[in-house]
N, C-alpha and C. Protein backbone atom coordinates (compact mmCIF):
# COMPACT_ATOMS: atom_id res chain seq x y z
N MET A 1 -76.55 -7.35 -43.71
CA MET A 1 -77.19 -8.64 -43.85
C MET A 1 -76.71 -9.25 -45.17
N LYS A 2 -76.40 -10.50 -45.14
CA LYS A 2 -75.91 -11.21 -46.32
C LYS A 2 -77.07 -11.59 -47.23
N LEU A 3 -76.77 -11.78 -48.51
CA LEU A 3 -77.77 -12.13 -49.51
C LEU A 3 -78.56 -13.38 -49.10
N GLY A 4 -77.88 -14.41 -48.62
CA GLY A 4 -78.56 -15.64 -48.22
C GLY A 4 -79.56 -15.41 -47.10
N GLU A 5 -79.19 -14.56 -46.14
CA GLU A 5 -80.12 -14.23 -45.05
C GLU A 5 -81.33 -13.48 -45.57
N LYS A 6 -81.10 -12.58 -46.52
CA LYS A 6 -82.20 -11.82 -47.10
C LYS A 6 -83.17 -12.75 -47.84
N LEU A 7 -82.61 -13.68 -48.60
CA LEU A 7 -83.45 -14.61 -49.34
C LEU A 7 -84.29 -15.46 -48.39
N HIS A 8 -83.67 -15.94 -47.33
CA HIS A 8 -84.40 -16.75 -46.35
C HIS A 8 -85.51 -15.92 -45.70
N ARG A 9 -85.21 -14.69 -45.36
CA ARG A 9 -86.20 -13.79 -44.75
C ARG A 9 -87.36 -13.53 -45.71
N LEU A 10 -87.05 -13.34 -46.99
CA LEU A 10 -88.10 -13.11 -47.98
C LEU A 10 -88.99 -14.35 -48.14
N ARG A 11 -88.39 -15.53 -48.06
CA ARG A 11 -89.19 -16.76 -48.15
C ARG A 11 -90.18 -16.84 -46.98
N LEU A 12 -89.72 -16.44 -45.79
CA LEU A 12 -90.59 -16.43 -44.62
C LEU A 12 -91.72 -15.41 -44.80
N LEU A 13 -91.38 -14.20 -45.17
CA LEU A 13 -92.38 -13.16 -45.34
C LEU A 13 -93.39 -13.52 -46.43
N GLU A 14 -92.92 -14.07 -47.52
CA GLU A 14 -93.82 -14.42 -48.62
C GLU A 14 -94.75 -15.56 -48.23
N GLY A 15 -94.24 -16.54 -47.50
CA GLY A 15 -95.09 -17.64 -47.04
C GLY A 15 -96.20 -17.14 -46.12
N VAL A 16 -95.84 -16.24 -45.23
CA VAL A 16 -96.84 -15.67 -44.32
C VAL A 16 -97.84 -14.82 -45.12
N ALA A 17 -97.34 -14.03 -46.06
CA ALA A 17 -98.22 -13.18 -46.87
C ALA A 17 -99.21 -14.00 -47.67
N ARG A 18 -98.83 -15.21 -48.05
CA ARG A 18 -99.73 -16.08 -48.81
C ARG A 18 -100.65 -16.89 -47.91
N GLY A 19 -100.54 -16.67 -46.60
CA GLY A 19 -101.43 -17.33 -45.66
C GLY A 19 -101.04 -18.77 -45.34
N LEU A 20 -99.79 -19.12 -45.60
CA LEU A 20 -99.34 -20.49 -45.34
C LEU A 20 -98.97 -20.71 -43.88
N GLY A 21 -98.65 -19.65 -43.16
CA GLY A 21 -98.23 -19.79 -41.78
C GLY A 21 -96.84 -20.38 -41.64
N ARG A 22 -96.09 -20.36 -42.71
CA ARG A 22 -94.73 -20.91 -42.73
C ARG A 22 -93.97 -20.23 -43.87
N GLU A 23 -92.66 -20.46 -43.90
CA GLU A 23 -91.88 -19.92 -45.01
C GLU A 23 -92.16 -20.74 -46.27
N LEU A 24 -91.99 -20.11 -47.42
CA LEU A 24 -92.03 -20.86 -48.67
C LEU A 24 -90.80 -21.74 -48.73
N THR A 25 -90.92 -22.90 -49.31
CA THR A 25 -89.75 -23.75 -49.51
C THR A 25 -88.95 -23.21 -50.69
N GLN A 26 -87.72 -23.62 -50.78
CA GLN A 26 -86.91 -23.22 -51.93
C GLN A 26 -87.52 -23.76 -53.22
N THR A 27 -88.09 -24.95 -53.17
CA THR A 27 -88.73 -25.53 -54.35
C THR A 27 -89.93 -24.69 -54.77
N GLU A 28 -90.72 -24.22 -53.80
CA GLU A 28 -91.87 -23.37 -54.12
C GLU A 28 -91.43 -22.06 -54.76
N VAL A 29 -90.32 -21.50 -54.29
CA VAL A 29 -89.80 -20.28 -54.89
C VAL A 29 -89.34 -20.56 -56.31
N ALA A 30 -88.58 -21.63 -56.50
CA ALA A 30 -88.10 -21.97 -57.84
C ALA A 30 -89.27 -22.20 -58.79
N ASP A 31 -90.28 -22.92 -58.34
CA ASP A 31 -91.47 -23.16 -59.17
C ASP A 31 -92.17 -21.84 -59.51
N GLY A 32 -92.27 -20.94 -58.52
CA GLY A 32 -92.92 -19.65 -58.74
C GLY A 32 -92.16 -18.79 -59.73
N VAL A 33 -90.84 -18.80 -59.64
CA VAL A 33 -90.02 -18.04 -60.59
C VAL A 33 -90.20 -18.61 -61.99
N ARG A 34 -90.20 -19.94 -62.10
CA ARG A 34 -90.39 -20.57 -63.42
C ARG A 34 -91.78 -20.26 -63.97
N ALA A 35 -92.80 -20.25 -63.11
CA ALA A 35 -94.16 -19.93 -63.56
C ALA A 35 -94.24 -18.51 -64.10
N GLY A 36 -93.38 -17.64 -63.62
CA GLY A 36 -93.33 -16.26 -64.10
C GLY A 36 -92.42 -16.09 -65.31
N GLY A 37 -91.95 -17.19 -65.87
CA GLY A 37 -91.11 -17.12 -67.06
C GLY A 37 -89.62 -17.13 -66.78
N GLY A 38 -89.24 -17.27 -65.53
CA GLY A 38 -87.82 -17.27 -65.17
C GLY A 38 -87.23 -18.67 -65.19
N GLN A 39 -85.97 -18.76 -64.85
CA GLN A 39 -85.28 -20.04 -64.84
C GLN A 39 -84.36 -20.07 -63.63
N ILE A 40 -84.74 -20.86 -62.61
CA ILE A 40 -83.93 -20.98 -61.41
C ILE A 40 -84.24 -22.34 -60.78
N SER A 41 -83.26 -22.91 -60.12
CA SER A 41 -83.46 -24.23 -59.51
C SER A 41 -83.41 -24.14 -57.99
N GLN A 42 -83.95 -25.15 -57.35
CA GLN A 42 -83.92 -25.22 -55.89
C GLN A 42 -82.48 -25.30 -55.40
N SER A 43 -81.63 -26.05 -56.09
CA SER A 43 -80.24 -26.19 -55.65
C SER A 43 -79.50 -24.85 -55.74
N TYR A 44 -79.83 -24.05 -56.75
CA TYR A 44 -79.22 -22.73 -56.88
C TYR A 44 -79.63 -21.84 -55.70
N LEU A 45 -80.92 -21.89 -55.34
CA LEU A 45 -81.40 -21.12 -54.18
C LEU A 45 -80.70 -21.59 -52.90
N SER A 46 -80.50 -22.88 -52.78
CA SER A 46 -79.80 -23.43 -51.61
C SER A 46 -78.37 -22.89 -51.53
N GLN A 47 -77.70 -22.85 -52.67
CA GLN A 47 -76.33 -22.33 -52.71
C GLN A 47 -76.29 -20.86 -52.30
N ILE A 48 -77.29 -20.10 -52.72
CA ILE A 48 -77.34 -18.68 -52.35
C ILE A 48 -77.52 -18.56 -50.84
N GLU A 49 -78.47 -19.33 -50.30
CA GLU A 49 -78.77 -19.20 -48.87
C GLU A 49 -77.63 -19.69 -47.98
N ASN A 50 -76.92 -20.74 -48.41
CA ASN A 50 -75.83 -21.22 -47.54
C ASN A 50 -74.53 -20.48 -47.77
N GLY A 51 -74.52 -19.51 -48.69
CA GLY A 51 -73.35 -18.66 -48.87
C GLY A 51 -72.32 -19.16 -49.84
N SER A 52 -72.52 -20.34 -50.43
CA SER A 52 -71.53 -20.83 -51.38
C SER A 52 -71.64 -20.10 -52.72
N ARG A 53 -72.72 -19.42 -52.97
CA ARG A 53 -72.87 -18.57 -54.15
C ARG A 53 -73.28 -17.18 -53.65
N PRO A 54 -72.29 -16.32 -53.38
CA PRO A 54 -72.57 -15.04 -52.72
C PRO A 54 -73.13 -13.95 -53.63
N HIS A 55 -73.09 -14.16 -54.96
CA HIS A 55 -73.54 -13.12 -55.89
C HIS A 55 -74.51 -13.71 -56.90
N LEU A 56 -75.37 -12.84 -57.43
CA LEU A 56 -76.34 -13.24 -58.44
C LEU A 56 -76.02 -12.56 -59.76
N THR A 57 -76.41 -13.20 -60.85
CA THR A 57 -76.36 -12.49 -62.12
C THR A 57 -77.50 -11.48 -62.12
N SER A 58 -77.43 -10.49 -62.97
CA SER A 58 -78.49 -9.48 -62.99
C SER A 58 -79.82 -10.11 -63.41
N GLY A 59 -79.78 -11.12 -64.28
CA GLY A 59 -81.01 -11.79 -64.69
C GLY A 59 -81.68 -12.52 -63.54
N THR A 60 -80.89 -13.25 -62.79
CA THR A 60 -81.44 -13.98 -61.64
C THR A 60 -81.93 -13.01 -60.58
N ARG A 61 -81.17 -11.95 -60.36
CA ARG A 61 -81.58 -10.93 -59.38
C ARG A 61 -82.93 -10.35 -59.79
N GLY A 62 -83.11 -10.06 -61.07
CA GLY A 62 -84.37 -9.52 -61.55
C GLY A 62 -85.53 -10.49 -61.38
N GLN A 63 -85.27 -11.77 -61.67
CA GLN A 63 -86.32 -12.78 -61.53
C GLN A 63 -86.77 -12.91 -60.07
N LEU A 64 -85.81 -12.97 -59.15
CA LEU A 64 -86.16 -13.08 -57.73
C LEU A 64 -86.84 -11.80 -57.22
N ALA A 65 -86.37 -10.65 -57.69
CA ALA A 65 -86.98 -9.39 -57.28
C ALA A 65 -88.44 -9.33 -57.73
N ARG A 66 -88.71 -9.77 -58.95
CA ARG A 66 -90.10 -9.79 -59.43
C ARG A 66 -90.95 -10.74 -58.60
N PHE A 67 -90.40 -11.92 -58.32
CA PHE A 67 -91.16 -12.91 -57.56
C PHE A 67 -91.49 -12.39 -56.16
N PHE A 68 -90.50 -11.80 -55.48
CA PHE A 68 -90.71 -11.34 -54.10
C PHE A 68 -91.24 -9.90 -54.03
N LYS A 69 -91.34 -9.24 -55.20
CA LYS A 69 -91.84 -7.87 -55.26
C LYS A 69 -90.98 -6.93 -54.40
N VAL A 70 -89.67 -7.01 -54.62
CA VAL A 70 -88.72 -6.12 -53.96
C VAL A 70 -87.86 -5.46 -55.03
N HIS A 71 -87.17 -4.41 -54.67
CA HIS A 71 -86.25 -3.75 -55.60
C HIS A 71 -85.05 -4.68 -55.82
N PRO A 72 -84.57 -4.83 -57.05
CA PRO A 72 -83.41 -5.70 -57.29
C PRO A 72 -82.19 -5.33 -56.46
N GLY A 73 -82.03 -4.05 -56.14
CA GLY A 73 -80.90 -3.62 -55.33
C GLY A 73 -80.91 -4.18 -53.92
N TYR A 74 -82.06 -4.66 -53.47
CA TYR A 74 -82.13 -5.28 -52.14
C TYR A 74 -81.40 -6.61 -52.12
N LEU A 75 -81.33 -7.28 -53.28
CA LEU A 75 -80.78 -8.64 -53.33
C LEU A 75 -79.27 -8.65 -53.55
N VAL A 76 -78.57 -7.97 -52.69
CA VAL A 76 -77.11 -7.99 -52.63
C VAL A 76 -76.71 -7.98 -51.17
N ASP A 77 -75.47 -8.37 -50.89
CA ASP A 77 -74.97 -8.27 -49.52
C ASP A 77 -74.91 -6.81 -49.11
N ASP A 78 -75.27 -6.54 -47.88
CA ASP A 78 -75.06 -5.20 -47.35
C ASP A 78 -73.57 -5.04 -47.08
N PRO A 79 -73.02 -3.86 -47.29
CA PRO A 79 -71.59 -3.67 -47.01
C PRO A 79 -71.31 -3.86 -45.53
N ASP A 80 -70.11 -4.37 -45.23
CA ASP A 80 -69.73 -4.56 -43.84
C ASP A 80 -69.69 -3.23 -43.09
N GLU A 81 -69.19 -2.21 -43.75
CA GLU A 81 -69.17 -0.87 -43.17
C GLU A 81 -69.96 0.03 -44.09
N PRO A 82 -71.21 0.28 -43.75
CA PRO A 82 -72.03 1.09 -44.65
C PRO A 82 -71.45 2.48 -44.89
N HIS A 83 -71.47 2.89 -46.14
CA HIS A 83 -71.01 4.23 -46.49
C HIS A 83 -72.19 5.19 -46.49
N LEU A 84 -73.38 4.65 -46.45
CA LEU A 84 -74.59 5.46 -46.44
C LEU A 84 -75.00 5.74 -45.01
N PRO A 85 -75.79 6.75 -44.78
CA PRO A 85 -76.22 7.05 -43.42
C PRO A 85 -77.34 6.12 -42.93
N ILE A 86 -77.39 4.90 -43.44
CA ILE A 86 -78.39 3.93 -43.00
C ILE A 86 -77.81 3.15 -41.82
N LYS A 87 -78.59 3.04 -40.76
CA LYS A 87 -78.13 2.32 -39.60
C LYS A 87 -78.16 0.82 -39.88
N PRO A 88 -77.17 0.07 -39.46
CA PRO A 88 -77.23 -1.38 -39.67
C PRO A 88 -78.34 -2.01 -38.84
N ARG A 89 -78.87 -3.11 -39.33
CA ARG A 89 -79.94 -3.80 -38.60
C ARG A 89 -79.38 -4.36 -37.30
N ARG A 90 -80.21 -4.35 -36.28
CA ARG A 90 -79.81 -4.87 -34.99
C ARG A 90 -80.76 -5.99 -34.61
N ALA A 91 -80.51 -6.62 -33.48
CA ALA A 91 -81.38 -7.70 -33.01
C ALA A 91 -82.80 -7.19 -32.81
N ILE A 92 -82.94 -5.95 -32.38
CA ILE A 92 -84.29 -5.39 -32.17
C ILE A 92 -85.07 -5.34 -33.47
N ASP A 93 -84.38 -5.09 -34.59
CA ASP A 93 -85.05 -5.05 -35.88
C ASP A 93 -85.69 -6.40 -36.20
N GLU A 94 -84.99 -7.47 -35.92
CA GLU A 94 -85.54 -8.80 -36.18
C GLU A 94 -86.75 -9.07 -35.28
N LYS A 95 -86.69 -8.61 -34.03
CA LYS A 95 -87.83 -8.76 -33.12
C LYS A 95 -89.03 -7.99 -33.63
N VAL A 96 -88.79 -6.77 -34.11
CA VAL A 96 -89.88 -5.95 -34.65
C VAL A 96 -90.50 -6.65 -35.85
N ASP A 97 -89.66 -7.17 -36.75
CA ASP A 97 -90.18 -7.86 -37.94
C ASP A 97 -91.01 -9.08 -37.56
N LEU A 98 -90.53 -9.88 -36.62
CA LEU A 98 -91.30 -11.05 -36.19
C LEU A 98 -92.61 -10.64 -35.54
N TRP A 99 -92.58 -9.58 -34.74
CA TRP A 99 -93.80 -9.06 -34.11
C TRP A 99 -94.80 -8.62 -35.18
N LEU A 100 -94.31 -7.93 -36.21
CA LEU A 100 -95.19 -7.49 -37.30
C LEU A 100 -95.79 -8.68 -38.05
N ILE A 101 -94.98 -9.70 -38.29
CA ILE A 101 -95.47 -10.89 -38.99
C ILE A 101 -96.54 -11.58 -38.16
N GLU A 102 -96.29 -11.74 -36.87
CA GLU A 102 -97.28 -12.38 -35.99
C GLU A 102 -98.56 -11.56 -35.94
N ALA A 103 -98.44 -10.23 -35.84
CA ALA A 103 -99.62 -9.37 -35.81
C ALA A 103 -100.38 -9.48 -37.12
N SER A 104 -99.65 -9.58 -38.22
CA SER A 104 -100.29 -9.73 -39.52
C SER A 104 -101.12 -11.01 -39.59
N GLN A 105 -100.59 -12.08 -39.03
CA GLN A 105 -101.32 -13.35 -39.02
C GLN A 105 -102.56 -13.25 -38.13
N GLU A 106 -102.42 -12.63 -36.98
CA GLU A 106 -103.55 -12.49 -36.06
C GLU A 106 -104.65 -11.61 -36.63
N LEU A 107 -104.28 -10.66 -37.47
CA LEU A 107 -105.24 -9.71 -38.03
C LEU A 107 -105.57 -10.04 -39.48
N ALA A 108 -105.43 -11.29 -39.86
CA ALA A 108 -105.65 -11.70 -41.25
C ALA A 108 -107.06 -11.39 -41.73
N ASP A 109 -108.03 -11.26 -40.82
CA ASP A 109 -109.39 -10.92 -41.22
C ASP A 109 -109.46 -9.53 -41.86
N ASP A 110 -108.58 -8.65 -41.45
CA ASP A 110 -108.51 -7.31 -42.02
C ASP A 110 -107.35 -7.33 -43.02
N ARG A 111 -107.66 -7.70 -44.25
CA ARG A 111 -106.62 -7.92 -45.26
C ARG A 111 -105.73 -6.70 -45.47
N GLU A 112 -106.34 -5.50 -45.53
CA GLU A 112 -105.54 -4.29 -45.75
C GLU A 112 -104.53 -4.08 -44.64
N LEU A 113 -104.97 -4.22 -43.40
CA LEU A 113 -104.07 -4.03 -42.26
C LEU A 113 -103.00 -5.11 -42.23
N SER A 114 -103.40 -6.34 -42.47
CA SER A 114 -102.46 -7.46 -42.48
C SER A 114 -101.35 -7.24 -43.52
N GLN A 115 -101.75 -6.82 -44.73
CA GLN A 115 -100.77 -6.57 -45.80
C GLN A 115 -99.88 -5.38 -45.46
N ALA A 116 -100.45 -4.35 -44.83
CA ALA A 116 -99.64 -3.19 -44.45
C ALA A 116 -98.56 -3.59 -43.45
N LEU A 117 -98.92 -4.43 -42.49
CA LEU A 117 -97.93 -4.89 -41.50
C LEU A 117 -96.82 -5.69 -42.18
N LEU A 118 -97.18 -6.52 -43.15
CA LEU A 118 -96.15 -7.29 -43.87
C LEU A 118 -95.26 -6.38 -44.71
N ARG A 119 -95.83 -5.35 -45.32
CA ARG A 119 -95.00 -4.42 -46.09
C ARG A 119 -93.99 -3.72 -45.19
N ILE A 120 -94.42 -3.36 -43.99
CA ILE A 120 -93.48 -2.73 -43.05
C ILE A 120 -92.41 -3.74 -42.64
N ALA A 121 -92.81 -4.98 -42.37
CA ALA A 121 -91.83 -6.02 -41.97
C ALA A 121 -90.81 -6.26 -43.08
N LYS A 122 -91.21 -6.13 -44.34
CA LYS A 122 -90.28 -6.34 -45.47
C LYS A 122 -89.30 -5.18 -45.63
N HIS A 123 -89.66 -4.03 -45.08
CA HIS A 123 -88.82 -2.85 -45.26
C HIS A 123 -87.49 -3.04 -44.53
N GLU A 124 -86.44 -2.60 -45.16
CA GLU A 124 -85.09 -2.74 -44.59
C GLU A 124 -84.98 -2.05 -43.22
N GLN A 125 -85.72 -0.98 -43.02
CA GLN A 125 -85.66 -0.24 -41.76
C GLN A 125 -87.05 -0.21 -41.13
N SER A 126 -87.58 -1.37 -40.83
CA SER A 126 -88.95 -1.47 -40.31
C SER A 126 -89.09 -0.75 -38.96
N ARG A 127 -88.10 -0.82 -38.13
CA ARG A 127 -88.17 -0.12 -36.83
C ARG A 127 -88.32 1.38 -37.04
N GLU A 128 -87.48 1.93 -37.91
CA GLU A 128 -87.52 3.36 -38.18
C GLU A 128 -88.84 3.75 -38.85
N ALA A 129 -89.37 2.86 -39.71
CA ALA A 129 -90.65 3.14 -40.36
C ALA A 129 -91.77 3.26 -39.32
N LEU A 130 -91.74 2.40 -38.31
CA LEU A 130 -92.75 2.47 -37.25
C LEU A 130 -92.60 3.74 -36.42
N ILE A 131 -91.37 4.12 -36.14
CA ILE A 131 -91.11 5.35 -35.38
C ILE A 131 -91.61 6.56 -36.19
N LEU A 132 -91.34 6.56 -37.49
CA LEU A 132 -91.82 7.63 -38.35
C LEU A 132 -93.35 7.67 -38.36
N LEU A 133 -93.98 6.51 -38.48
CA LEU A 133 -95.44 6.45 -38.46
C LEU A 133 -95.98 7.00 -37.14
N GLY A 134 -95.32 6.67 -36.03
CA GLY A 134 -95.73 7.20 -34.74
C GLY A 134 -95.65 8.71 -34.70
N SER A 135 -94.65 9.30 -35.34
CA SER A 135 -94.53 10.75 -35.40
C SER A 135 -95.64 11.36 -36.24
N LEU A 136 -95.94 10.70 -37.35
CA LEU A 136 -96.97 11.22 -38.25
C LEU A 136 -98.35 11.26 -37.61
N VAL A 137 -98.69 10.24 -36.84
CA VAL A 137 -100.04 10.19 -36.28
C VAL A 137 -100.27 11.25 -35.22
N GLU A 138 -99.23 11.87 -34.72
CA GLU A 138 -99.40 12.96 -33.76
C GLU A 138 -99.92 14.23 -34.45
N ASN A 139 -99.79 14.30 -35.76
CA ASN A 139 -100.22 15.46 -36.51
C ASN A 139 -101.60 15.17 -37.11
N LYS A 140 -102.67 15.50 -36.37
CA LYS A 140 -104.04 15.17 -36.77
C LYS A 140 -104.41 15.78 -38.12
N VAL A 141 -104.01 17.01 -38.37
CA VAL A 141 -104.35 17.66 -39.64
C VAL A 141 -103.73 16.89 -40.81
N LEU A 142 -102.47 16.50 -40.67
CA LEU A 142 -101.81 15.75 -41.72
C LEU A 142 -102.50 14.41 -41.95
N ILE A 143 -102.83 13.70 -40.89
CA ILE A 143 -103.50 12.41 -41.01
C ILE A 143 -104.84 12.57 -41.71
N ASP A 144 -105.61 13.58 -41.32
CA ASP A 144 -106.91 13.81 -41.96
C ASP A 144 -106.75 14.07 -43.46
N ARG A 145 -105.76 14.87 -43.83
CA ARG A 145 -105.53 15.17 -45.25
C ARG A 145 -105.09 13.92 -46.01
N LEU A 146 -104.22 13.10 -45.41
CA LEU A 146 -103.78 11.87 -46.06
C LEU A 146 -104.94 10.90 -46.24
N LEU A 147 -105.78 10.78 -45.22
CA LEU A 147 -106.93 9.89 -45.32
C LEU A 147 -107.91 10.36 -46.39
N GLU A 148 -108.07 11.68 -46.52
CA GLU A 148 -108.92 12.22 -47.59
C GLU A 148 -108.39 11.81 -48.95
N ARG A 149 -107.09 11.89 -49.12
CA ARG A 149 -106.47 11.54 -50.41
C ARG A 149 -106.57 10.05 -50.70
N LEU A 150 -106.49 9.23 -49.65
CA LEU A 150 -106.53 7.78 -49.84
C LEU A 150 -107.94 7.26 -50.04
N ALA A 151 -108.95 7.99 -49.56
CA ALA A 151 -110.34 7.53 -49.68
C ALA A 151 -110.75 7.58 -51.15
N PRO A 152 -111.49 6.57 -51.60
CA PRO A 152 -111.94 6.60 -53.00
C PRO A 152 -112.93 7.74 -53.21
N ALA A 153 -112.85 8.34 -54.38
CA ALA A 153 -113.75 9.45 -54.71
C ALA A 153 -115.17 8.90 -54.88
N PRO A 154 -116.17 9.66 -54.42
CA PRO A 154 -117.55 9.19 -54.58
C PRO A 154 -117.91 9.13 -56.06
N GLU A 155 -118.71 8.13 -56.41
CA GLU A 155 -119.14 7.99 -57.80
C GLU A 155 -120.24 9.00 -58.07
N PRO A 156 -120.25 9.60 -59.28
CA PRO A 156 -121.30 10.57 -59.60
C PRO A 156 -122.66 9.89 -59.71
N ARG A 157 -123.72 10.61 -59.28
CA ARG A 157 -125.09 10.10 -59.42
C ARG A 157 -125.60 10.47 -60.80
N ARG A 158 -126.46 9.66 -61.32
CA ARG A 158 -127.06 9.93 -62.62
C ARG A 158 -128.48 10.45 -62.43
N ARG A 159 -128.84 11.48 -63.17
CA ARG A 159 -130.22 11.97 -63.21
C ARG A 159 -130.93 11.31 -64.38
N ARG A 160 -132.19 11.49 -64.44
CA ARG A 160 -133.01 10.84 -65.45
C ARG A 160 -132.57 11.16 -66.88
N ARG A 161 -132.21 12.36 -67.14
CA ARG A 161 -131.92 12.77 -68.51
C ARG A 161 -130.46 12.55 -68.90
N GLY A 162 -129.76 11.73 -68.14
CA GLY A 162 -128.38 11.39 -68.50
C GLY A 162 -127.34 12.39 -68.03
N THR A 163 -127.72 13.42 -67.30
CA THR A 163 -126.72 14.36 -66.77
C THR A 163 -126.18 13.80 -65.47
N THR A 164 -124.98 14.13 -65.13
CA THR A 164 -124.39 13.65 -63.89
C THR A 164 -124.31 14.79 -62.89
N VAL A 165 -124.44 14.42 -61.65
CA VAL A 165 -124.37 15.38 -60.56
C VAL A 165 -123.40 14.81 -59.52
N GLU A 166 -122.47 15.61 -59.06
CA GLU A 166 -121.55 15.15 -58.02
C GLU A 166 -122.28 15.06 -56.69
N ARG A 167 -121.97 14.10 -55.90
CA ARG A 167 -122.56 13.95 -54.57
C ARG A 167 -121.94 14.89 -53.59
């Protein structure tokens, strides 16, 4: 996937995550980067997305990564022939991402679930992440242990004399 496509995809995901029901505009992204202390213009973002500026400086990459909350290494073109054992994205990956975004919007009342779906949609290998999650849920013992770890610890009760007792 090219850098411009990634930037456009991030604008869509961020707009949905903010509850706008649409992608963020390039101007909104530029304003957000500037609000965070960065320096970027709408025209520069346009050049990145249309491919006339295929590379970013490390400073700009860092500013956009902070704004979109992604690793700076994500904001580069993917190699035409990957040397890593990562499978290239396919049309099904885009369908999965759109399905996750739509589900996130439909389940907006459950903020935790909605945000989890968006985090999966942002992942470079969202299809594989869902397949992995499907494998994990088959292991009831593992799921129970993970849920125990994720649950907040109970707060200690106080007795009259200032001693604490665990619940």
